[in-house]
Amino acid sequence: MDKKDHYRYNLKIDGKISHIGTKMSMGSNYKTVGDNLLIQMYKQLRMSNLSEFKKYIECKYSYDNYIKYLKEKNKI
């Protein structure tokens, strides 16, 4: 049996999987994510800073706003 220790997340745009993505551990401490891991994740998701990423994961920043931001910054 193939046992996965991470979940992989990729951004889907217009029904197509993009090159932008991140992964998250399924280890025993997966409920607690430290700032060092969050920093890696926001960079992988092409966000400009940790504060912006935290707004996104707290659902204060919509998918549409994220796509608009990526287009404005020529990241997609």
Protein backbone atom coordinates (compact mmCIF):
# COMPACT_ATOMS: atom_id res chain seq x y z
CA MET A 1 0.00 0.00 0.00
CA ASP A 2 1.33 3.42 -1.00
CA LYS A 3 1.15 5.67 2.06
CA LYS A 4 1.17 9.43 1.34
CA ASP A 5 2.62 11.84 3.87
CA HIS A 6 1.69 15.05 2.01
CA TYR A 7 -1.26 16.56 0.20
CA ARG A 8 -0.44 18.41 -3.02
CA TYR A 9 -2.55 21.44 -3.97
CA ASN A 10 -2.42 23.09 -7.38
CA LEU A 11 -4.28 26.17 -8.50
CA LYS A 12 -6.96 25.45 -11.08
CA ILE A 13 -7.70 28.25 -13.55
CA ASP A 14 -10.50 27.93 -16.10
CA GLY A 15 -10.67 24.21 -15.40
CA LYS A 16 -6.94 23.64 -16.01
CA ILE A 17 -4.32 22.84 -13.40
CA SER A 18 -1.67 25.58 -13.29
CA HIS A 19 2.01 25.46 -12.35
CA ILE A 20 1.23 27.30 -9.08
CA GLY A 21 0.88 24.98 -6.12
CA THR A 22 2.04 23.90 -2.70
CA LYS A 23 1.98 20.83 -0.50
CA MET A 24 1.03 20.20 3.09
CA SER A 25 2.27 17.51 5.43
CA MET A 26 -0.01 14.79 6.75
CA GLY A 27 2.33 14.12 9.67
CA SER A 28 1.26 13.95 13.30
CA ASN A 29 1.59 17.72 13.77
CA TYR A 30 -0.38 18.74 10.68
CA LYS A 31 -2.88 20.73 12.79
CA THR A 32 -0.17 23.21 13.77
CA VAL A 33 1.56 25.03 10.94
CA GLY A 34 4.44 27.31 11.91
CA ASP A 35 5.32 30.61 10.26
CA ASN A 36 8.39 29.09 8.58
CA LEU A 37 6.16 26.65 6.67
CA LEU A 38 3.58 29.36 5.95
CA ILE A 39 6.36 31.52 4.48
CA GLN A 40 7.36 28.71 2.11
CA MET A 41 3.73 28.22 1.12
CA TYR A 42 2.98 31.90 0.39
CA LYS A 43 6.08 32.07 -1.81
CA GLN A 44 5.04 28.91 -3.69
CA LEU A 45 1.58 30.42 -4.23
CA ARG A 46 3.19 33.63 -5.57
CA MET A 47 1.76 35.89 -2.87
CA SER A 48 3.69 38.98 -1.84
CA ASN A 49 3.82 38.47 1.93
CA LEU A 50 2.75 36.31 4.87
CA SER A 51 0.00 38.71 5.94
CA GLU A 52 -1.67 38.44 2.53
CA PHE A 53 -1.46 34.62 2.65
CA LYS A 54 -3.01 34.50 6.12
CA LYS A 55 -5.94 36.59 4.86
CA TYR A 56 -6.41 34.07 2.05
CA ILE A 57 -6.41 31.01 4.32
CA GLU A 58 -8.76 32.79 6.74
CA CYS A 59 -11.19 33.26 3.79
CA LYS A 60 -10.83 37.05 3.82
CA TYR A 61 -9.37 37.01 0.30
CA SER A 62 -11.40 35.39 -2.47
CA TYR A 63 -10.32 33.08 -5.26
CA ASP A 64 -11.30 35.78 -7.79
CA ASN A 65 -9.17 38.37 -6.00
CA TYR A 66 -6.25 35.93 -5.95
CA ILE A 67 -6.53 35.27 -9.71
CA LYS A 68 -6.81 39.02 -10.37
CA TYR A 69 -3.69 39.64 -8.24
CA LEU A 70 -1.71 36.93 -10.09
CA LYS A 71 -2.67 38.43 -13.45
CA GLU A 72 -1.79 41.97 -12.36
CA LYS A 73 1.63 40.77 -11.19
CA ASN A 74 2.16 38.74 -14.41
CA LYS A 75 2.46 35.53 -12.41
CA ILE A 76 -0.03 33.73 -14.68
